[in-house]
Amino acid sequence: MSAKELEKIKKAAGQLFLMGLAGPSISAQEKKIISEFQIGGAIYFARNVESPAQVRSLSYELYQALEVLPLIGIDQEGGRVARLHQPFTEFPGNDYLGKHYKKSKDAKLARLQAAAMAVELKSVGINLNFTPVVDVHSNPNNPIIGPRAFCSDPKNVAALAKITIQEYKKQSVVCCAKHFPGHGDTDVDSHLTLPLIRASQKVLEERELLPFKTCISESVPTIMTAHIMFPALDRKYPATLSKKILQGLLREKMGYKGLIISDDMEMKAIAENWSIPQACVMALQAGVDLVLVCKSLEELSASYDAVVKAIESKKLSQERVSQALRRISRLKTRYVKKSRFSALHRPGKYGWDRHQRLAEKIKSLGGS
C-alpha cells in the first residue's frame, strides 16, 4: 500500500469518530490527536462548559483545527440531562411536555421549546443535539430513562418527536432520535451493565418502534443506537453491534437513509464485554456510521488505530466505509455552515428572556 493510500485511509477513519474533550479548552494532546486524525467532531459534556463565551471559543478552536468542518454535539435534552446551565435556558424534562400533550393534544409548547434550544445551541457553535429521546417509558423501574421520556404512550411520543425534528430542521441544527430500537423497558442502566429487553417482536413493533417509524418518515437526520440486547431481534449482539438490527431492521425494513450514531462506546454495556477498539470496528461493520468515544484519549487512539487496520485488511469493507463517509458528508454539507464558523470569533449575545419565560411556563405544568 502506498503512503498516499494509507493517508487516505487514515483521514477516512478519523471522520468516523466523535471524541470527548477533558475540559473547557483543547489540551495540547487533544490538539495533536484532532489534527493528526482529522477527527469527525466532538461531543460536549458539563466538564467542557464554563460560560457561553467560553463554549463559543471552544467551538471556534475545533472549527479552526479541522480541514473538514466538525460535528459538535451535546446532550441537551432538558431536565436531568442537560450540559448547559444559566444563562442558557434550563428547560424541564420531557415528561412535562408529555403530560401537557396527553391532556391537551396541543404541541405548541414542545415546538417552542425545540426552537429555543436549537437557537441557543447554534449561538455557541453546537450543531448537533442528541434529542429527541423517543424511548417509550413503559417500565416504571427504569433507572436511566424515566422523565427523559415524553411518556408511556407510543403515539404521543411519536407526535412530540415529530414536532421536535421539524423545529430543529427549521433552525438548521442536527437532531438525533434515540436510543434505537428503544431503551424505555430496561430495569438496568446501560452505562453500568448490558441490559436485556425480552419483549416479543410484535410488542417491539407496536411500542418501541412506532416513534422511530414517525422519526424516519420525518427524515430525522441521525439516529443513536442502544447498547441493549433484544433477543427477539438478535440473540447474539446488542443493537449497536447488530447487523440484523441496524441493517436488516433499521435500514432495509424501516427504510432509514440517514446517519446512524453509536451511544458512547466506553459505557460498561460495551466495555465490560468487548474491548473498545474491537467494539468500534464491530459497530461500523454492523452499520453504525459514526462512533462516540467520549472520555479516554487512549481508548480513542487505540480505536482509531483498530479502524485503520480494519480498513487496510478489508475486515471493514471499503463499501461500508464509503457509505458512512457519504452520509457524514451529506449531513455536514446540509447543516455545518462555514458562515457559522466565521461568526464564532465575534462576540455573542446571551440571556434569552423569552426562553426563560417559556421554561417557567412549562415547569408550571408539572411533570409525570
Protein backbone atom coordinates (compact mmCIF):
# COMPACT_ATOMS: atom_id res chain seq x y z
CA MET A 1 0.00 0.00 0.00
CA SER A 2 1.36 3.40 -0.97
CA ALA A 3 1.86 6.23 1.51
CA LYS A 4 -0.85 8.17 -0.33
CA GLU A 5 -3.37 5.33 0.03
CA LEU A 6 -2.56 4.94 3.73
CA GLU A 7 -3.02 8.68 4.31
CA LYS A 8 -6.42 8.49 2.61
CA ILE A 9 -7.45 5.60 4.88
CA LYS A 10 -6.29 7.49 7.99
CA LYS A 11 -8.33 10.57 7.06
CA ALA A 12 -11.36 8.40 6.36
CA ALA A 13 -11.02 6.66 9.73
CA GLY A 14 -10.89 9.97 11.61
CA GLN A 15 -14.18 11.11 10.11
CA LEU A 16 -15.89 8.06 11.64
CA PHE A 17 -15.34 9.28 15.23
CA LEU A 18 -16.74 11.88 17.60
CA MET A 19 -14.47 12.44 20.60
CA GLY A 20 -14.90 13.79 24.09
CA LEU A 21 -12.70 16.57 25.50
CA ALA A 22 -11.30 16.73 29.02
CA GLY A 23 -12.03 20.35 29.90
CA PRO A 24 -13.19 23.81 28.83
CA SER A 25 -10.39 24.24 26.29
CA ILE A 26 -8.50 21.89 23.99
CA SER A 27 -5.33 20.47 25.55
CA ALA A 28 -2.06 20.11 23.64
CA GLN A 29 -2.53 16.33 23.48
CA GLU A 30 -6.09 16.73 22.20
CA LYS A 31 -4.95 19.23 19.57
CA LYS A 32 -2.37 16.72 18.35
CA ILE A 33 -4.98 13.96 18.04
CA ILE A 34 -7.57 16.24 16.42
CA SER A 35 -5.05 17.41 13.84
CA GLU A 36 -3.43 14.02 13.22
CA PHE A 37 -6.67 12.01 12.99
CA GLN A 38 -8.72 14.81 11.37
CA ILE A 39 -11.49 13.70 13.69
CA GLY A 40 -15.15 13.95 12.65
CA GLY A 41 -16.06 16.18 15.56
CA ALA A 42 -16.61 16.33 19.31
CA ILE A 43 -19.26 15.94 21.98
CA TYR A 44 -19.50 18.39 24.89
CA PHE A 45 -20.26 17.47 28.49
CA ALA A 46 -20.64 19.58 31.64
CA ARG A 47 -16.85 19.39 32.12
CA ASN A 48 -16.45 21.38 28.90
CA VAL A 49 -18.76 24.23 29.91
CA GLU A 50 -17.99 27.36 31.94
CA SER A 51 -19.86 30.13 30.14
CA PRO A 52 -21.46 30.84 26.76
CA ALA A 53 -18.44 32.85 25.60
CA GLN A 54 -16.10 30.02 26.59
CA VAL A 55 -18.21 27.38 24.78
CA ARG A 56 -18.28 29.58 21.71
CA SER A 57 -14.48 29.89 21.88
CA LEU A 58 -14.11 26.12 22.25
CA SER A 59 -16.25 25.55 19.17
CA TYR A 60 -14.16 28.08 17.25
CA GLU A 61 -11.00 26.18 18.24
CA LEU A 62 -12.48 22.98 16.84
CA TYR A 63 -13.54 24.62 13.59
CA GLN A 64 -10.03 26.04 13.17
CA ALA A 65 -8.28 22.75 13.90
CA LEU A 66 -10.00 20.65 11.24
CA GLU A 67 -9.86 20.57 7.46
CA VAL A 68 -13.44 19.27 7.30
CA LEU A 69 -15.96 21.25 9.36
CA PRO A 70 -16.80 19.32 12.54
CA LEU A 71 -19.98 17.99 14.01
CA ILE A 72 -20.18 19.41 17.54
CA GLY A 73 -22.69 17.53 19.64
CA ILE A 74 -24.22 17.70 23.09
CA ASP A 75 -26.90 16.02 25.21
CA GLN A 76 -29.18 18.98 25.93
CA GLU A 77 -32.48 17.21 26.50
CA GLY A 78 -33.75 19.35 29.35
CA GLY A 79 -34.32 18.20 32.92
CA ARG A 80 -31.65 16.00 34.44
CA VAL A 81 -29.74 15.51 31.17
CA ALA A 82 -28.55 19.00 30.25
CA ARG A 83 -24.95 20.15 29.97
CA LEU A 84 -25.65 23.87 29.57
CA HIS A 85 -26.96 25.83 32.54
CA GLN A 86 -27.64 29.52 33.29
CA PRO A 87 -27.51 31.85 31.43
CA PHE A 88 -28.64 29.17 28.97
CA THR A 89 -32.28 28.31 29.49
CA GLU A 90 -32.86 25.36 31.81
CA PHE A 91 -35.91 23.57 30.44
CA PRO A 92 -37.58 20.80 32.47
CA GLY A 93 -37.58 17.14 31.47
CA ASN A 94 -39.55 15.83 28.53
CA ASP A 95 -42.16 14.33 30.85
CA TYR A 96 -43.55 17.84 31.40
CA LEU A 97 -44.27 18.17 27.69
CA GLY A 98 -45.66 14.64 27.59
CA LYS A 99 -48.06 15.31 30.44
CA HIS A 100 -49.29 18.53 28.82
CA TYR A 101 -49.75 16.88 25.43
CA LYS A 102 -51.68 13.97 26.96
CA LYS A 103 -54.18 16.43 28.46
CA SER A 104 -54.44 18.95 25.64
CA LYS A 105 -53.14 17.32 22.43
CA ASP A 106 -51.50 20.72 21.92
CA ALA A 107 -47.85 20.50 20.82
CA LYS A 108 -47.19 24.26 20.74
CA LEU A 109 -45.02 24.24 23.87
CA ALA A 110 -42.93 21.35 22.53
CA ARG A 111 -42.47 23.25 19.28
CA LEU A 112 -41.39 26.44 21.07
CA GLN A 113 -39.00 24.58 23.38
CA ALA A 114 -37.31 22.76 20.50
CA ALA A 115 -36.84 26.00 18.58
CA ALA A 116 -35.47 27.81 21.65
CA MET A 117 -32.98 25.04 22.41
CA ALA A 118 -31.75 24.98 18.82
CA VAL A 119 -31.26 28.76 18.75
CA GLU A 120 -29.20 28.70 21.94
CA LEU A 121 -27.05 25.78 20.80
CA LYS A 122 -26.13 27.25 17.44
CA SER A 123 -25.23 30.57 19.09
CA VAL A 124 -22.21 28.81 20.63
CA GLY A 125 -21.28 26.67 17.63
CA ILE A 126 -23.07 23.45 18.62
CA ASN A 127 -24.66 21.93 15.53
CA LEU A 128 -25.89 18.55 16.83
CA ASN A 129 -28.19 17.84 19.77
CA PHE A 130 -28.77 14.25 20.86
CA THR A 131 -32.50 14.72 21.18
CA PRO A 132 -35.41 13.81 20.95
CA VAL A 133 -35.49 10.90 23.37
CA VAL A 134 -38.10 8.69 21.71
CA ASP A 135 -37.89 5.82 24.19
CA VAL A 136 -41.35 4.83 25.40
CA HIS A 137 -41.45 4.95 29.21
CA SER A 138 -43.04 1.53 29.63
CA ASN A 139 -41.10 0.33 32.69
CA PRO A 140 -41.55 2.34 35.92
CA ASN A 141 -38.40 0.68 37.31
CA ASN A 142 -36.23 2.09 34.53
CA PRO A 143 -33.28 3.80 36.28
CA ILE A 144 -31.93 5.79 33.34
CA ILE A 145 -34.83 6.97 31.13
CA GLY A 146 -37.78 7.93 33.36
CA PRO A 147 -38.54 11.67 33.00
CA ARG A 148 -36.22 11.88 29.98
CA ALA A 149 -39.01 10.18 28.01
CA PHE A 150 -42.08 12.09 26.91
CA CYS A 151 -44.49 9.46 28.22
CA SER A 152 -45.64 5.82 28.06
CA ASP A 153 -47.93 6.23 25.03
CA PRO A 154 -46.03 5.46 21.79
CA LYS A 155 -48.37 7.63 19.71
CA ASN A 156 -47.85 10.67 21.92
CA VAL A 157 -44.08 10.09 21.94
CA ALA A 158 -44.19 9.95 18.14
CA ALA A 159 -46.21 13.17 17.87
CA LEU A 160 -43.84 15.13 20.12
CA ALA A 161 -40.77 13.70 18.40
CA LYS A 162 -42.18 14.79 15.04
CA ILE A 163 -42.59 18.37 16.25
CA THR A 164 -39.06 18.40 17.69
CA ILE A 165 -37.50 17.19 14.44
CA GLN A 166 -39.38 19.79 12.41
CA GLU A 167 -38.17 22.65 14.61
CA TYR A 168 -34.54 21.58 14.65
CA LYS A 169 -34.60 21.36 10.88
CA LYS A 170 -36.01 24.88 10.64
CA GLN A 171 -33.10 26.11 12.77
CA SER A 172 -30.53 24.11 10.74
CA VAL A 173 -29.37 22.17 13.78
CA VAL A 174 -28.98 18.39 13.59
CA CYS A 175 -31.19 16.38 15.93
CA CYS A 176 -30.95 12.70 16.85
CA ALA A 177 -33.70 10.21 17.72
CA LYS A 178 -32.52 7.88 20.48
CA HIS A 179 -31.99 5.09 21.62
CA PHE A 180 -32.78 2.67 18.78
CA PRO A 181 -34.63 0.34 18.95
CA GLY A 182 -35.77 1.54 22.39
CA HIS A 183 -34.44 1.97 25.95
CA GLY A 184 -37.73 2.50 27.77
CA ASP A 185 -38.31 -1.04 29.04
CA THR A 186 -34.97 -1.66 30.77
CA ASP A 187 -34.55 -2.08 34.51
CA VAL A 188 -30.78 -1.52 34.49
CA ASP A 189 -28.58 1.34 33.25
CA SER A 190 -26.50 0.65 30.11
CA HIS A 191 -23.81 2.97 31.49
CA LEU A 192 -23.25 0.29 34.16
CA THR A 193 -24.12 -3.06 32.56
CA LEU A 194 -25.62 -4.64 29.43
CA PRO A 195 -29.44 -4.51 29.61
CA LEU A 196 -31.74 -7.08 28.06
CA ILE A 197 -35.29 -6.41 26.83
CA ARG A 198 -37.30 -9.64 26.46
CA ALA A 199 -40.27 -8.13 24.61
CA SER A 200 -41.53 -10.04 21.58
CA GLN A 201 -41.03 -8.71 18.08
CA LYS A 202 -44.74 -7.87 17.93
CA VAL A 203 -44.56 -5.81 21.14
CA LEU A 204 -41.41 -4.06 19.96
CA GLU A 205 -43.05 -3.12 16.66
CA GLU A 206 -46.19 -1.78 18.33
CA ARG A 207 -44.44 0.03 21.18
CA GLU A 208 -40.70 0.77 20.84
CA LEU A 209 -40.51 1.06 17.06
CA LEU A 210 -43.62 3.17 16.47
CA PRO A 211 -41.98 6.52 17.39
CA PHE A 212 -38.91 5.65 15.33
CA LYS A 213 -41.14 5.00 12.31
CA THR A 214 -42.52 8.52 12.68
CA CYS A 215 -39.00 9.94 13.03
CA ILE A 216 -37.95 8.15 9.85
CA SER A 217 -40.99 9.48 7.98
CA GLU A 218 -39.86 12.97 9.09
CA SER A 219 -36.35 12.24 7.73
CA VAL A 220 -34.68 12.60 11.12
CA PRO A 221 -31.02 13.34 10.27
CA THR A 222 -29.48 10.94 12.81
CA ILE A 223 -30.49 8.01 14.99
CA MET A 224 -28.50 6.83 18.03
CA THR A 225 -28.18 3.14 18.83
CA ALA A 226 -28.85 1.47 22.18
CA HIS A 227 -26.31 -0.78 23.91
CA ILE A 228 -29.07 -3.27 24.72
CA MET A 229 -29.79 -6.94 23.96
CA PHE A 230 -33.06 -7.66 22.14
CA PRO A 231 -33.27 -11.47 21.81
CA ALA A 232 -36.39 -11.18 19.64
CA LEU A 233 -34.27 -9.30 17.09
CA ASP A 234 -30.75 -10.68 17.62
CA ARG A 235 -29.76 -13.33 20.17
CA LYS A 236 -26.02 -12.70 19.89
CA TYR A 237 -25.31 -8.96 19.78
CA PRO A 238 -26.66 -5.74 21.33
CA ALA A 239 -28.24 -3.28 18.91
CA THR A 240 -25.08 -1.17 18.47
CA LEU A 241 -23.16 -4.22 17.23
CA SER A 242 -26.01 -5.97 15.42
CA LYS A 243 -26.14 -6.13 11.64
CA LYS A 244 -29.57 -7.75 11.95
CA ILE A 245 -30.92 -4.74 13.84
CA LEU A 246 -29.10 -1.90 12.08
CA GLN A 247 -29.01 -3.20 8.51
CA GLY A 248 -31.86 -5.71 8.46
CA LEU A 249 -34.38 -3.80 10.57
CA LEU A 250 -33.46 -0.10 10.55
CA ARG A 251 -32.11 0.22 7.01
CA GLU A 252 -33.92 -2.44 4.99
CA LYS A 253 -37.25 -2.98 6.76
CA MET A 254 -37.82 0.54 8.12
CA GLY A 255 -36.15 2.36 5.21
CA TYR A 256 -33.91 4.71 7.19
CA LYS A 257 -31.45 6.61 4.99
CA GLY A 258 -29.84 8.99 7.48
CA LEU A 259 -26.80 8.75 9.75
CA ILE A 260 -26.55 6.07 12.45
CA ILE A 261 -24.55 7.14 15.52
CA SER A 262 -23.47 4.89 18.37
CA ASP A 263 -24.01 5.72 22.01
CA ASP A 264 -20.75 6.16 23.92
CA MET A 265 -18.60 3.09 23.28
CA GLU A 266 -16.97 3.46 26.71
CA MET A 267 -20.21 2.65 28.53
CA LYS A 268 -19.95 -0.58 30.54
CA ALA A 269 -22.64 -2.30 28.47
CA ILE A 270 -19.98 -2.43 25.75
CA ALA A 271 -16.67 -2.08 27.61
CA GLU A 272 -17.31 -4.99 30.01
CA ASN A 273 -18.00 -7.38 27.14
CA TRP A 274 -15.65 -6.29 24.34
CA SER A 275 -12.52 -4.20 24.08
CA ILE A 276 -13.49 -0.71 22.97
CA PRO A 277 -11.34 -0.78 19.80
CA GLN A 278 -12.82 -4.16 18.84
CA ALA A 279 -16.35 -2.89 19.53
CA CYS A 280 -15.81 0.24 17.40
CA VAL A 281 -14.83 -1.92 14.43
CA MET A 282 -17.79 -4.24 15.08
CA ALA A 283 -20.20 -1.30 15.28
CA LEU A 284 -19.00 0.09 11.95
CA GLN A 285 -19.25 -3.37 10.38
CA ALA A 286 -22.80 -3.70 11.71
CA GLY A 287 -23.94 -0.41 10.18
CA VAL A 288 -23.03 2.41 12.56
CA ASP A 289 -21.70 5.40 10.59
CA LEU A 290 -20.22 7.47 13.42
CA VAL A 291 -18.88 6.11 16.73
CA LEU A 292 -18.64 8.03 20.01
CA VAL A 293 -15.60 7.63 22.27
CA CYS A 294 -16.35 10.21 24.91
CA LYS A 295 -13.64 10.21 27.57
CA SER A 296 -10.33 8.38 27.18
CA LEU A 297 -7.79 9.62 24.64
CA GLU A 298 -6.01 6.28 24.97
CA GLU A 299 -9.16 4.37 24.00
CA LEU A 300 -9.83 6.84 21.19
CA SER A 301 -6.32 6.39 19.79
CA ALA A 302 -6.49 2.61 20.07
CA SER A 303 -9.93 2.57 18.43
CA TYR A 304 -8.76 4.81 15.60
CA ASP A 305 -5.76 2.53 15.01
CA ALA A 306 -8.04 -0.53 15.03
CA VAL A 307 -10.33 1.04 12.42
CA VAL A 308 -7.36 2.00 10.21
CA LYS A 309 -6.08 -1.59 10.39
CA ALA A 310 -9.56 -2.98 9.71
CA ILE A 311 -9.85 -0.84 6.57
CA GLU A 312 -6.33 -1.80 5.45
CA SER A 313 -7.05 -5.52 5.90
CA LYS A 314 -10.52 -5.19 4.34
CA LYS A 315 -12.04 -6.54 7.55
CA LEU A 316 -14.02 -3.31 7.34
CA SER A 317 -15.04 -3.12 3.70
CA GLN A 318 -14.44 -0.10 1.50
CA GLU A 319 -18.13 -0.17 0.60
CA ARG A 320 -19.14 0.10 4.27
CA VAL A 321 -16.66 2.94 4.89
CA SER A 322 -17.77 4.78 1.75
CA GLN A 323 -21.42 4.53 2.81
CA ALA A 324 -20.62 6.04 6.20
CA LEU A 325 -18.46 8.81 4.73
CA ARG A 326 -21.16 9.75 2.21
CA ARG A 327 -23.75 10.06 4.97
CA ILE A 328 -21.40 12.11 7.15
CA SER A 329 -20.53 14.38 4.23
CA ARG A 330 -24.19 14.91 3.29
CA LEU A 331 -25.06 15.79 6.87
CA LYS A 332 -22.20 18.26 7.19
CA THR A 333 -22.97 19.85 3.83
CA ARG A 334 -26.59 20.37 4.90
CA TYR A 335 -26.07 21.53 8.49
CA VAL A 336 -22.47 22.59 9.26
CA LYS A 337 -22.11 26.09 7.89
CA LYS A 338 -18.91 27.95 7.04
CA SER A 339 -20.76 31.18 7.81
CA ARG A 340 -21.38 29.94 11.35
CA PHE A 341 -17.66 29.22 11.76
CA SER A 342 -16.85 32.77 10.65
CA ALA A 343 -19.35 34.20 13.14
CA LEU A 344 -17.90 32.36 16.13
CA HIS A 345 -14.96 34.74 16.57
CA ARG A 346 -17.34 37.67 17.09
CA PRO A 347 -18.88 38.44 20.49
CA GLY A 348 -22.19 36.72 21.10
CA LYS A 349 -25.33 37.85 22.91
CA TYR A 350 -26.64 35.57 25.66
CA GLY A 351 -29.56 35.56 28.05
CA TRP A 352 -32.86 34.80 26.39
CA ASP A 353 -35.65 36.29 28.50
CA ARG A 354 -38.39 34.94 26.25
CA HIS A 355 -36.93 31.43 26.50
CA GLN A 356 -36.73 31.73 30.29
CA ARG A 357 -40.40 32.65 30.45
CA LEU A 358 -41.24 29.67 28.25
CA ALA A 359 -39.29 27.33 30.55
CA GLU A 360 -41.15 28.68 33.60
CA LYS A 361 -44.47 28.13 31.86
CA ILE A 362 -43.59 24.52 31.05
CA LYS A 363 -42.33 23.91 34.60
CA SER A 364 -45.63 25.20 35.98
CA LEU A 365 -47.42 22.32 34.27
CA GLY A 366 -45.73 19.72 36.48
CA GLY A 367 -44.10 16.50 35.31
CA SER A 368 -45.30 12.92 35.26
